[in-house]
Amino acid sequence: MIDHMNIKVADFERAMAFYDAAFAPLGASMLYMVPEENSFGVRMAGYGREKPCFWLYEGTPPADYHQHIAFAANSRAEVDAFYKAAVAAGGKDNGAPGLRPHYHPNYYGAFVFDLDGNNIEAVCHKPETGGQS
């Protein structure tokens, strides 16, 4: 249902480095940078797999407002790698990789606070198969 969304980030370069690292295990990367003259004089970077759908927008995030954004992973191993990469890039743990059966039996997710305090998540809804995660 969602085609794209954006979040404001306080330190654009630092946020890009964080999301470059966190998204690599999910097969997503920065696909497009909007020229400042086309984006009201601020930088915008679009991330995705095939098209930009998650945008970083240079600006001051609203005080005391943080978003929860879940990104689809193709496997539990991708969730694990996302979590490890996001924490290594400066994110803060908000829930290590694992099953969350209170959502449904195969909900495997990991939660990290990004550099601006947003709660980002990678989630895989597929059952574990063949002893692999």
Protein backbone atom coordinates (compact mmCIF):
# COMPACT_ATOMS: atom_id res chain seq x y z
CA MET A 1 0.00 0.00 0.00
CA ILE A 2 2.85 2.46 0.71
CA ASP A 3 4.65 3.70 -2.39
CA HIS A 4 7.21 5.81 -0.55
CA MET A 5 7.87 7.70 2.67
CA ASN A 6 10.47 10.04 4.09
CA ILE A 7 11.97 10.90 7.44
CA LYS A 8 13.90 13.98 8.47
CA VAL A 9 17.46 13.42 9.63
CA ALA A 10 19.58 15.86 11.63
CA ASP A 11 22.96 14.89 10.15
CA PHE A 12 22.43 13.94 6.52
CA GLU A 13 25.90 12.49 5.80
CA ARG A 14 25.94 10.47 9.00
CA ALA A 15 22.41 9.19 8.37
CA MET A 16 23.35 8.15 4.83
CA ALA A 17 26.35 6.19 6.14
CA PHE A 18 24.11 4.51 8.72
CA TYR A 19 21.42 3.50 6.21
CA ASP A 20 24.02 2.45 3.62
CA ALA A 21 25.31 -0.06 6.18
CA ALA A 22 21.93 -1.11 7.63
CA PHE A 23 20.27 -1.66 4.24
CA ALA A 24 23.12 -3.56 2.55
CA PRO A 25 22.11 -6.92 4.12
CA LEU A 26 18.54 -6.36 2.87
CA GLY A 27 19.72 -5.81 -0.70
CA ALA A 28 18.69 -2.14 -0.62
CA SER A 29 20.84 0.89 -1.36
CA MET A 30 20.70 4.60 -2.14
CA LEU A 31 19.25 4.76 -5.64
CA TYR A 32 18.62 8.44 -6.21
CA MET A 33 19.70 11.81 -4.84
CA VAL A 34 17.24 14.65 -5.54
CA PRO A 35 19.06 17.80 -6.67
CA GLU A 36 18.73 20.49 -4.01
CA GLU A 37 17.17 22.92 -6.51
CA ASN A 38 14.30 20.42 -6.93
CA SER A 39 13.80 19.77 -3.22
CA PHE A 40 13.44 23.20 -1.63
CA GLY A 41 17.18 23.58 -1.05
CA VAL A 42 17.65 20.47 1.09
CA ARG A 43 19.21 17.14 0.28
CA MET A 44 17.05 14.06 -0.22
CA ALA A 45 18.30 10.51 -0.78
CA GLY A 46 16.03 7.69 -1.90
CA TYR A 47 16.72 4.10 -0.83
CA GLY A 48 15.22 0.88 -2.12
CA ARG A 49 15.79 -2.34 -4.00
CA GLU A 50 14.32 -1.58 -7.42
CA LYS A 51 13.01 1.95 -6.91
CA PRO A 52 13.45 4.52 -4.17
CA CYS A 53 10.73 4.09 -1.57
CA PHE A 54 12.40 5.21 1.67
CA TRP A 55 13.73 8.76 1.64
CA LEU A 56 16.07 10.64 3.95
CA TYR A 57 15.19 14.32 4.06
CA GLU A 58 17.70 16.81 5.43
CA GLY A 59 16.19 18.75 8.32
CA THR A 60 15.48 18.82 12.00
CA PRO A 61 13.36 15.89 13.14
CA PRO A 62 10.37 16.90 15.27
CA ALA A 63 11.22 16.95 18.97
CA ASP A 64 10.01 13.91 20.90
CA TYR A 65 8.51 12.31 17.78
CA HIS A 66 10.00 9.10 16.47
CA GLN A 67 8.71 6.79 13.83
CA HIS A 68 8.55 3.02 13.69
CA ILE A 69 9.41 1.71 10.24
CA ALA A 70 9.64 -2.00 9.37
CA PHE A 71 11.62 -3.16 6.34
CA ALA A 72 10.93 -6.51 4.67
CA ALA A 73 13.69 -9.09 4.76
CA ASN A 74 13.78 -12.15 2.52
CA SER A 75 15.17 -14.43 5.22
CA ARG A 76 15.92 -14.64 8.90
CA ALA A 77 19.61 -14.43 8.02
CA GLU A 78 18.94 -11.02 6.43
CA VAL A 79 17.24 -9.88 9.64
CA ASP A 80 20.29 -11.01 11.65
CA ALA A 81 22.70 -9.25 9.25
CA PHE A 82 20.59 -6.06 9.24
CA TYR A 83 20.66 -5.93 13.05
CA LYS A 84 24.41 -6.52 13.23
CA ALA A 85 25.15 -3.91 10.53
CA ALA A 86 22.80 -1.29 12.01
CA VAL A 87 24.29 -1.62 15.51
CA ALA A 88 27.84 -1.57 14.11
CA ALA A 89 26.96 1.64 12.24
CA GLY A 90 25.94 3.40 15.45
CA GLY A 91 22.34 2.27 15.99
CA LYS A 92 21.12 1.29 19.45
CA ASP A 93 19.60 -2.10 20.22
CA ASN A 94 15.84 -2.07 20.69
CA GLY A 95 15.22 -5.81 20.34
CA ALA A 96 17.67 -8.44 19.14
CA PRO A 97 16.74 -10.74 16.26
CA GLY A 98 14.22 -13.36 17.20
CA LEU A 99 10.73 -14.73 16.88
CA ARG A 100 7.85 -12.52 17.99
CA PRO A 101 5.08 -15.17 18.16
CA HIS A 102 2.68 -12.69 19.76
CA TYR A 103 2.38 -11.18 16.24
CA HIS A 104 2.25 -14.55 14.44
CA PRO A 105 4.20 -17.84 14.66
CA ASN A 106 6.75 -16.96 11.93
CA TYR A 107 7.30 -13.26 12.74
CA TYR A 108 11.09 -12.95 12.97
CA GLY A 109 12.27 -9.40 13.56
CA ALA A 110 14.99 -7.17 14.95
CA PHE A 111 14.65 -3.59 16.18
CA VAL A 112 17.24 -0.79 16.25
CA PHE A 113 17.00 2.90 17.10
CA ASP A 114 18.61 4.86 14.25
CA LEU A 115 20.79 7.93 14.82
CA ASP A 116 17.73 10.18 15.21
CA GLY A 117 15.86 7.83 17.55
CA ASN A 118 13.53 6.25 15.00
CA ASN A 119 12.69 2.61 15.71
CA ILE A 120 13.67 0.73 12.56
CA GLU A 121 13.00 -2.95 12.12
CA ALA A 122 13.79 -5.72 9.69
CA VAL A 123 11.21 -8.49 9.58
CA CYS A 124 10.83 -11.82 7.83
CA HIS A 125 7.41 -13.51 7.85
CA LYS A 126 8.58 -16.77 6.29
CA PRO A 127 8.95 -19.96 8.30
CA GLU A 128 12.44 -21.25 8.93
CA THR A 129 13.27 -23.87 6.30
CA GLY A 130 15.90 -26.56 5.99
CA GLY A 131 17.65 -25.68 9.22
CA GLN A 132 18.73 -22.32 7.77
CA SER A 133 17.71 -18.97 9.19
